[in-house]
Protein backbone atom coordinates (compact mmCIF):
# COMPACT_ATOMS: atom_id res chain seq x y z
CA MET A 1 6.58 15.63 -0.23
CA ARG A 2 8.36 12.26 -0.06
CA VAL A 3 5.97 9.71 -1.59
CA LEU A 4 6.49 5.97 -1.38
CA VAL A 5 4.75 3.92 -4.07
CA VAL A 6 4.27 0.28 -3.08
CA PHE A 7 3.54 -1.78 -6.18
CA CYS A 8 2.29 -5.35 -6.07
CA HIS A 9 1.60 -7.21 -9.31
CA PRO A 10 3.48 -10.20 -10.75
CA VAL A 11 3.06 -9.30 -14.44
CA PRO A 12 5.31 -6.45 -15.64
CA GLU A 13 3.06 -5.62 -18.63
CA SER A 14 -0.18 -5.60 -16.59
CA PHE A 15 -2.65 -2.73 -16.45
CA CYS A 16 -1.55 -2.23 -12.83
CA ALA A 17 1.98 -1.62 -14.16
CA ALA A 18 0.59 1.07 -16.48
CA LEU A 19 -1.19 2.60 -13.48
CA ARG A 20 2.08 2.62 -11.54
CA GLU A 21 3.95 4.33 -14.37
CA GLY A 22 1.21 6.93 -14.78
CA ALA A 23 0.96 7.58 -11.05
CA MET A 24 4.71 7.90 -10.56
CA ALA A 25 5.08 10.24 -13.54
CA ALA A 26 2.22 12.44 -12.29
CA LEU A 27 3.66 12.56 -8.77
CA SER A 28 7.09 13.52 -10.11
CA GLN A 29 5.57 16.19 -12.37
CA ALA A 30 3.85 17.64 -9.30
CA GLY A 31 7.26 18.04 -7.64
CA HIS A 32 7.14 15.13 -5.20
CA ALA A 33 10.21 13.01 -4.43
CA VAL A 34 9.04 9.53 -5.39
CA GLU A 35 10.46 6.21 -4.21
CA GLN A 36 9.15 2.81 -5.19
CA ILE A 37 8.96 -0.65 -3.73
CA ASP A 38 8.10 -3.29 -6.33
CA LEU A 39 7.38 -6.36 -4.23
CA TYR A 40 7.43 -8.90 -7.06
CA ALA A 41 10.51 -7.43 -8.78
CA ASP A 42 12.23 -7.49 -5.37
CA ASN A 43 11.18 -11.13 -4.92
CA PHE A 44 9.85 -10.09 -1.52
CA ASN A 45 9.22 -13.02 0.82
CA PRO A 46 5.77 -12.44 2.37
CA VAL A 47 5.93 -15.39 4.76
CA LEU A 48 6.08 -14.52 8.45
CA GLY A 49 8.02 -17.50 9.78
CA VAL A 50 7.77 -19.25 13.13
CA GLU A 51 10.77 -17.60 14.82
CA GLU A 52 9.96 -14.20 13.34
CA ARG A 53 6.46 -14.43 14.81
CA ARG A 54 7.73 -15.61 18.19
CA HIS A 55 9.87 -12.48 18.48
CA TYR A 56 7.52 -10.12 16.61
CA ASN A 57 6.80 -7.81 19.56
CA GLU A 58 10.35 -7.73 20.90
CA GLY A 59 11.89 -5.30 18.42
CA PRO A 60 12.45 -4.63 14.75
CA PRO A 61 12.54 -7.60 12.38
CA ALA A 62 15.81 -9.50 12.54
CA ASP A 63 15.77 -10.42 8.84
CA PRO A 64 18.29 -8.06 7.17
CA ALA A 65 16.27 -8.20 3.93
CA LEU A 66 13.53 -6.18 5.66
CA LYS A 67 15.75 -3.31 6.80
CA PRO A 68 15.69 -1.35 3.50
CA TYR A 69 11.89 -1.48 3.47
CA ALA A 70 11.72 -0.20 7.04
CA GLU A 71 14.11 2.64 6.18
CA ILE A 72 12.06 3.71 3.15
CA LEU A 73 8.86 3.59 5.21
CA GLY A 74 10.59 5.67 7.88
CA ARG A 75 11.23 8.57 5.53
CA ALA A 76 7.94 8.54 3.59
CA GLU A 77 5.41 11.34 4.11
CA ALA A 78 2.79 9.77 1.86
CA LEU A 79 2.03 6.24 0.65
CA VAL A 80 0.47 5.08 -2.61
CA PHE A 81 -0.46 1.39 -2.87
CA ILE A 82 -1.04 0.02 -6.37
CA TYR A 83 -2.31 -3.53 -6.63
CA PRO A 84 -5.04 -5.76 -8.06
CA THR A 85 -7.89 -6.71 -5.75
CA TRP A 86 -8.00 -10.51 -5.74
CA TRP A 87 -10.87 -12.30 -4.02
CA TYR A 88 -11.98 -8.92 -2.64
CA GLY A 89 -8.76 -8.35 -0.73
CA LEU A 90 -5.05 -7.64 -0.91
CA PRO A 91 -2.68 -9.92 -2.80
CA ALA A 92 -0.86 -12.21 -0.34
CA MET A 93 2.45 -10.52 -1.19
CA LEU A 94 1.13 -7.13 -0.05
CA LYS A 95 -0.46 -8.58 3.09
CA GLY A 96 2.90 -10.19 3.88
CA PHE A 97 4.58 -6.81 3.42
CA PHE A 98 2.35 -5.39 6.14
CA ASP A 99 2.86 -8.44 8.37
CA ARG A 100 6.65 -8.39 8.09
CA VAL A 101 7.62 -4.72 7.59
CA TRP A 102 4.97 -2.78 9.56
CA ALA A 103 6.35 -4.41 12.68
CA ALA A 104 7.33 -3.47 16.22
CA ASP A 105 9.92 -0.68 16.37
CA VAL A 106 9.26 0.09 12.69
CA ALA A 107 5.59 1.10 12.48
CA PHE A 108 4.65 0.97 16.15
CA ARG A 109 5.89 0.44 19.68
CA LEU A 110 4.06 -1.56 22.30
CA PRO A 111 3.91 0.33 25.61
CA THR A 112 5.26 -1.46 28.64
CA ASP A 113 2.30 -0.35 30.76
CA GLY A 114 -0.25 -2.12 28.56
CA GLY A 115 -1.63 1.13 27.14
CA ARG A 116 -2.32 2.02 23.53
CA ILE A 117 0.07 1.22 20.72
CA ILE A 118 2.46 4.09 19.99
CA SER A 119 2.76 5.01 16.31
CA LEU A 120 6.22 5.38 14.81
CA ILE A 121 4.93 6.46 11.39
CA GLY A 122 2.89 9.49 12.40
CA HIS A 123 4.84 11.43 9.75
CA ILE A 124 2.71 9.81 7.02
CA ARG A 125 0.08 12.40 6.12
CA LYS A 126 -1.53 10.88 3.04
CA ILE A 127 -2.41 7.41 1.80
CA ALA A 128 -3.82 6.50 -1.60
CA VAL A 129 -4.98 3.15 -2.93
CA ILE A 130 -5.05 2.55 -6.68
CA THR A 131 -6.55 -0.82 -7.48
CA THR A 132 -8.44 -2.91 -10.00
CA CYS A 133 -11.39 -5.12 -9.08
CA GLY A 134 -12.92 -7.83 -11.23
CA ALA A 135 -16.30 -7.48 -9.54
CA PRO A 136 -18.75 -4.60 -9.96
CA TRP A 137 -18.66 -1.86 -7.30
CA TRP A 138 -21.92 -2.93 -5.70
CA PHE A 139 -20.74 -6.48 -5.12
CA SER A 140 -17.44 -5.28 -3.68
CA PHE A 141 -19.47 -3.05 -1.36
CA ILE A 142 -21.69 -5.97 -0.25
CA VAL A 143 -18.62 -8.11 0.48
CA GLY A 144 -17.28 -5.29 2.65
CA GLN A 145 -14.26 -4.14 0.63
CA PRO A 146 -11.72 -5.86 2.90
CA GLY A 147 -8.66 -4.53 1.05
CA ARG A 148 -9.88 -0.96 1.28
CA LYS A 149 -10.67 -1.32 4.98
CA THR A 150 -7.33 -2.97 5.78
CA ILE A 151 -5.31 -0.07 4.40
CA LEU A 152 -7.53 2.98 4.79
CA ARG A 153 -8.91 2.11 8.22
CA GLY A 154 -6.59 -0.39 9.85
CA MET A 155 -3.14 0.64 8.63
CA ARG A 156 -4.08 4.33 8.53
CA ALA A 157 -4.61 4.23 12.30
CA LEU A 158 -0.82 4.25 12.73
CA CYS A 159 -0.34 7.32 10.52
CA ALA A 160 -0.84 11.02 11.24
CA PRO A 161 -4.08 11.72 13.16
CA ARG A 162 -5.55 13.66 10.24
CA CYS A 163 -4.06 11.45 7.54
CA GLN A 164 -5.91 12.06 4.28
CA THR A 165 -6.94 9.10 2.15
CA ARG A 166 -7.91 8.48 -1.46
CA TYR A 167 -9.34 5.29 -2.92
CA LEU A 168 -9.43 4.77 -6.68
CA ALA A 169 -10.78 1.52 -8.08
CA HIS A 170 -11.47 0.32 -11.60
CA TYR A 171 -14.42 -2.02 -11.02
CA ASN A 172 -15.58 -4.64 -13.54
CA MET A 173 -11.97 -5.09 -14.64
CA ASP A 174 -12.83 -8.51 -16.06
CA ARG A 175 -15.17 -6.74 -18.50
CA SER A 176 -13.10 -3.61 -19.00
CA THR A 177 -12.61 -1.96 -22.35
CA PRO A 178 -9.70 0.08 -23.72
CA GLU A 179 -11.88 3.16 -23.14
CA SER A 180 -12.67 2.29 -19.50
CA ARG A 181 -9.00 1.60 -18.76
CA GLU A 182 -7.87 4.83 -20.44
CA SER A 183 -10.46 6.82 -18.50
CA TYR A 184 -9.35 5.27 -15.22
CA LEU A 185 -5.67 5.86 -15.99
CA ALA A 186 -6.45 9.53 -16.72
CA LYS A 187 -8.29 9.78 -13.38
CA VAL A 188 -5.29 8.25 -11.58
CA LYS A 189 -2.89 10.72 -13.20
CA THR A 190 -5.11 13.70 -12.35
CA THR A 191 -5.50 12.55 -8.74
CA MET A 192 -1.76 12.00 -8.32
CA ARG A 193 -0.92 15.42 -9.78
CA ARG A 194 -3.18 16.93 -7.08
CA PHE A 195 -1.99 14.60 -4.31
């Protein structure tokens, strides 16, 4: 399976970076063809500008910097998002990736008759989220887990009708221990080998 890993963390030596390395190695060991987008390393611009927004529904993004991302998304059969949960949601860089790349004539097409949006990424059969959360699980649950819902409910709606999802979170990251991080990393590797 062609798996696209979308990584979003500014610090190259972060725990999220270790999660990415472990996940990508496990996916490769399982025989998947793995591609990666590293939003910070790419210096991705997450800002949806005025003119880009004005023409958002008219066709694919005009910015040539977005074309490689659209092409990679177009050939992926599975997506793995690896990021820290900040203020209970997605990092702005990742949200901007959705705003700018999952656009008209890339991820969807607007019907001319006013009907339902037509998916252009129905070939994506699996989505996984691998994240870290500073808060405990119960508080994230009370807040509503906006990052989880954005990807696994909202963005998933454009994927294959029976798209399978996985959500892995290391809660209480602010109080984590070497043992808790190692245990979570092992869980990530096991899950990705079975993905």
